[in-house]
Amino acid sequence: MSDRSTTKSVYGSLRQYLGERPDLGIGKAVRDSVLEPPNPFDSEAVRAPSRWFVLSVLLGGSLLSCFVYFNHLI
């Protein structure tokens, strides 16, 4: 008969497995959606932010600042 696994041991094993796999995870999904695609020929190149992400951050920031200014929250 095999040993029974506890929740903590299974969670630790899963965390170790996912930590060894940098190609999986929500962090990679967020990075891929926010940054430009990586250059396959230059792995050391810095990835610039996507223009749609920058535009949405600027629009969101300007809407928030207008809301705060016109509602006299500052």
N, C-alpha and C. Protein backbone atom coordinates (compact mmCIF):
# COMPACT_ATOMS: atom_id res chain seq x y z
N MET A 1 0.85 -1.18 0.00
CA MET A 1 0.00 0.00 0.00
C MET A 1 0.89 1.24 0.00
N SER A 2 0.54 2.23 -0.74
CA SER A 2 1.35 3.44 -0.83
C SER A 2 1.04 4.39 0.32
N ASP A 3 1.96 5.31 0.53
CA ASP A 3 1.77 6.30 1.59
C ASP A 3 0.66 7.26 1.20
N ARG A 4 -0.05 7.72 2.21
CA ARG A 4 -1.09 8.72 1.98
C ARG A 4 -0.44 10.09 1.94
N SER A 5 -0.87 10.90 1.02
CA SER A 5 -0.32 12.24 0.88
C SER A 5 -1.18 13.23 1.65
N THR A 6 -0.51 14.20 2.25
CA THR A 6 -1.23 15.25 2.94
C THR A 6 -1.43 16.41 1.98
N THR A 7 -2.29 17.29 2.37
CA THR A 7 -2.57 18.46 1.54
C THR A 7 -1.32 19.33 1.39
N LYS A 8 -0.60 19.49 2.49
CA LYS A 8 0.60 20.34 2.45
C LYS A 8 1.68 19.74 1.55
N SER A 9 1.85 18.42 1.56
CA SER A 9 2.88 17.83 0.72
C SER A 9 2.51 17.93 -0.76
N VAL A 10 1.25 17.74 -1.08
CA VAL A 10 0.81 17.87 -2.47
C VAL A 10 0.94 19.31 -2.94
N TYR A 11 0.55 20.25 -2.08
CA TYR A 11 0.66 21.67 -2.43
C TYR A 11 2.13 22.06 -2.62
N GLY A 12 3.00 21.55 -1.76
CA GLY A 12 4.44 21.84 -1.89
C GLY A 12 5.01 21.27 -3.16
N SER A 13 4.61 20.04 -3.51
CA SER A 13 5.09 19.42 -4.74
C SER A 13 4.60 20.18 -5.97
N LEU A 14 3.34 20.60 -5.94
CA LEU A 14 2.79 21.37 -7.06
C LEU A 14 3.48 22.72 -7.20
N ARG A 15 3.73 23.38 -6.08
CA ARG A 15 4.42 24.67 -6.12
C ARG A 15 5.83 24.52 -6.67
N GLN A 16 6.53 23.45 -6.27
CA GLN A 16 7.88 23.21 -6.78
C GLN A 16 7.85 22.92 -8.28
N TYR A 17 6.89 22.11 -8.72
CA TYR A 17 6.77 21.78 -10.14
C TYR A 17 6.50 23.03 -10.97
N LEU A 18 5.56 23.85 -10.52
CA LEU A 18 5.24 25.06 -11.28
C LEU A 18 6.37 26.08 -11.21
N GLY A 19 7.14 26.09 -10.13
CA GLY A 19 8.28 26.99 -10.02
C GLY A 19 9.40 26.64 -10.99
N GLU A 20 9.49 25.37 -11.33
CA GLU A 20 10.50 24.92 -12.29
C GLU A 20 10.07 25.11 -13.73
N ARG A 21 8.83 25.50 -13.95
CA ARG A 21 8.29 25.68 -15.30
C ARG A 21 7.98 27.16 -15.56
N PRO A 22 8.94 27.94 -16.04
CA PRO A 22 8.68 29.36 -16.27
C PRO A 22 7.76 29.63 -17.46
N ASP A 23 7.50 28.61 -18.27
CA ASP A 23 6.63 28.81 -19.44
C ASP A 23 5.16 28.72 -19.08
N LEU A 24 4.82 28.40 -17.83
CA LEU A 24 3.44 28.32 -17.37
C LEU A 24 3.16 29.43 -16.37
N GLY A 25 1.91 29.76 -16.21
CA GLY A 25 1.54 30.65 -15.12
C GLY A 25 0.89 31.94 -15.57
N ILE A 26 0.29 32.59 -14.59
CA ILE A 26 -0.40 33.84 -14.86
C ILE A 26 0.58 34.98 -15.09
N GLY A 27 1.76 34.90 -14.48
CA GLY A 27 2.77 35.94 -14.69
C GLY A 27 3.19 36.05 -16.15
N LYS A 28 3.39 34.92 -16.77
CA LYS A 28 3.76 34.91 -18.19
C LYS A 28 2.62 35.43 -19.05
N ALA A 29 1.39 35.08 -18.70
CA ALA A 29 0.24 35.55 -19.47
C ALA A 29 0.10 37.06 -19.37
N VAL A 30 0.33 37.61 -18.18
CA VAL A 30 0.25 39.07 -18.00
C VAL A 30 1.37 39.75 -18.76
N ARG A 31 2.60 39.21 -18.64
CA ARG A 31 3.73 39.81 -19.36
C ARG A 31 3.52 39.79 -20.87
N ASP A 32 2.98 38.69 -21.38
CA ASP A 32 2.76 38.58 -22.83
C ASP A 32 1.66 39.52 -23.31
N SER A 33 0.69 39.83 -22.46
CA SER A 33 -0.38 40.73 -22.88
C SER A 33 0.01 42.20 -22.73
N VAL A 34 0.92 42.52 -21.82
CA VAL A 34 1.30 43.91 -21.57
C VAL A 34 2.49 44.33 -22.41
N LEU A 35 3.41 43.42 -22.67
CA LEU A 35 4.63 43.76 -23.41
C LEU A 35 4.54 43.30 -24.86
N GLU A 36 5.38 43.90 -25.69
CA GLU A 36 5.48 43.49 -27.09
C GLU A 36 6.01 42.06 -27.16
N PRO A 37 5.76 41.35 -28.26
CA PRO A 37 6.28 39.99 -28.38
C PRO A 37 7.81 39.96 -28.31
N PRO A 38 8.38 38.91 -27.73
CA PRO A 38 9.85 38.84 -27.63
C PRO A 38 10.50 38.60 -28.99
N ASN A 39 11.73 39.06 -29.10
CA ASN A 39 12.52 38.85 -30.31
C ASN A 39 13.15 37.46 -30.22
N PRO A 40 12.83 36.55 -31.13
CA PRO A 40 13.37 35.19 -31.02
C PRO A 40 14.87 35.13 -31.31
N PHE A 41 15.44 36.14 -31.94
CA PHE A 41 16.85 36.12 -32.31
C PHE A 41 17.73 36.80 -31.26
N ASP A 42 17.12 37.59 -30.36
CA ASP A 42 17.89 38.29 -29.33
C ASP A 42 17.17 38.12 -27.99
N SER A 43 17.60 37.16 -27.22
CA SER A 43 16.92 36.87 -25.96
C SER A 43 17.21 37.91 -24.88
N GLU A 44 18.25 38.71 -25.06
CA GLU A 44 18.61 39.72 -24.07
C GLU A 44 17.96 41.08 -24.35
N ALA A 45 17.22 41.20 -25.43
CA ALA A 45 16.59 42.48 -25.78
C ALA A 45 15.48 42.81 -24.79
N VAL A 46 15.37 44.10 -24.47
CA VAL A 46 14.34 44.57 -23.55
C VAL A 46 13.02 44.69 -24.30
N ARG A 47 11.96 44.18 -23.71
CA ARG A 47 10.64 44.23 -24.35
C ARG A 47 9.94 45.52 -23.95
N ALA A 48 9.50 46.27 -24.94
CA ALA A 48 8.80 47.53 -24.71
C ALA A 48 7.34 47.26 -24.38
N PRO A 49 6.69 48.18 -23.65
CA PRO A 49 5.27 47.99 -23.38
C PRO A 49 4.45 48.11 -24.66
N SER A 50 3.36 47.39 -24.71
CA SER A 50 2.47 47.43 -25.86
C SER A 50 1.80 48.80 -25.95
N ARG A 51 1.60 49.28 -27.17
CA ARG A 51 1.03 50.62 -27.33
C ARG A 51 -0.41 50.66 -26.82
N TRP A 52 -1.15 49.56 -26.92
CA TRP A 52 -2.54 49.54 -26.43
C TRP A 52 -2.57 49.59 -24.91
N PHE A 53 -1.59 48.96 -24.26
CA PHE A 53 -1.52 49.01 -22.80
C PHE A 53 -1.19 50.43 -22.34
N VAL A 54 -0.23 51.07 -23.01
CA VAL A 54 0.14 52.44 -22.65
C VAL A 54 -1.04 53.38 -22.87
N LEU A 55 -1.73 53.23 -23.97
CA LEU A 55 -2.89 54.08 -24.26
C LEU A 55 -3.98 53.89 -23.21
N SER A 56 -4.26 52.65 -22.83
CA SER A 56 -5.30 52.41 -21.84
C SER A 56 -4.91 52.94 -20.46
N VAL A 57 -3.64 52.85 -20.11
CA VAL A 57 -3.18 53.40 -18.82
C VAL A 57 -3.30 54.93 -18.83
N LEU A 58 -2.92 55.57 -19.93
CA LEU A 58 -3.04 57.03 -20.02
C LEU A 58 -4.50 57.48 -19.98
N LEU A 59 -5.36 56.80 -20.70
CA LEU A 59 -6.78 57.15 -20.68
C LEU A 59 -7.40 56.92 -19.30
N GLY A 60 -7.06 55.81 -18.69
CA GLY A 60 -7.57 55.52 -17.34
C GLY A 60 -7.08 56.53 -16.32
N GLY A 61 -5.80 56.90 -16.43
CA GLY A 61 -5.26 57.90 -15.52
C GLY A 61 -5.88 59.27 -15.71
N SER A 62 -6.12 59.66 -16.95
CA SER A 62 -6.74 60.96 -17.19
C SER A 62 -8.20 60.96 -16.73
N LEU A 63 -8.92 59.86 -16.93
CA LEU A 63 -10.30 59.79 -16.44
C LEU A 63 -10.34 59.84 -14.91
N LEU A 64 -9.43 59.16 -14.27
CA LEU A 64 -9.38 59.17 -12.80
C LEU A 64 -9.01 60.56 -12.29
N SER A 65 -8.06 61.22 -12.94
CA SER A 65 -7.68 62.56 -12.49
C SER A 65 -8.82 63.56 -12.71
N CYS A 66 -9.55 63.45 -13.81
CA CYS A 66 -10.71 64.33 -14.02
C CYS A 66 -11.79 64.08 -12.97
N PHE A 67 -12.04 62.83 -12.64
CA PHE A 67 -13.02 62.49 -11.62
C PHE A 67 -12.62 63.08 -10.28
N VAL A 68 -11.37 62.94 -9.91
CA VAL A 68 -10.89 63.46 -8.63
C VAL A 68 -10.93 64.98 -8.61
N TYR A 69 -10.52 65.62 -9.71
CA TYR A 69 -10.47 67.08 -9.76
C TYR A 69 -11.88 67.70 -9.69
N PHE A 70 -12.81 67.17 -10.50
CA PHE A 70 -14.12 67.79 -10.56
C PHE A 70 -15.03 67.43 -9.38
N ASN A 71 -14.67 66.42 -8.62
CA ASN A 71 -15.44 66.08 -7.42
C ASN A 71 -14.79 66.64 -6.16
N HIS A 72 -13.75 67.45 -6.33
CA HIS A 72 -13.06 68.12 -5.22
C HIS A 72 -12.63 67.12 -4.16
N LEU A 73 -12.02 66.04 -4.58
CA LEU A 73 -11.55 65.03 -3.65
C LEU A 73 -10.15 65.31 -3.13
N ILE A 74 -9.48 66.29 -3.74
CA ILE A 74 -8.14 66.66 -3.26
C ILE A 74 -8.20 68.04 -2.64
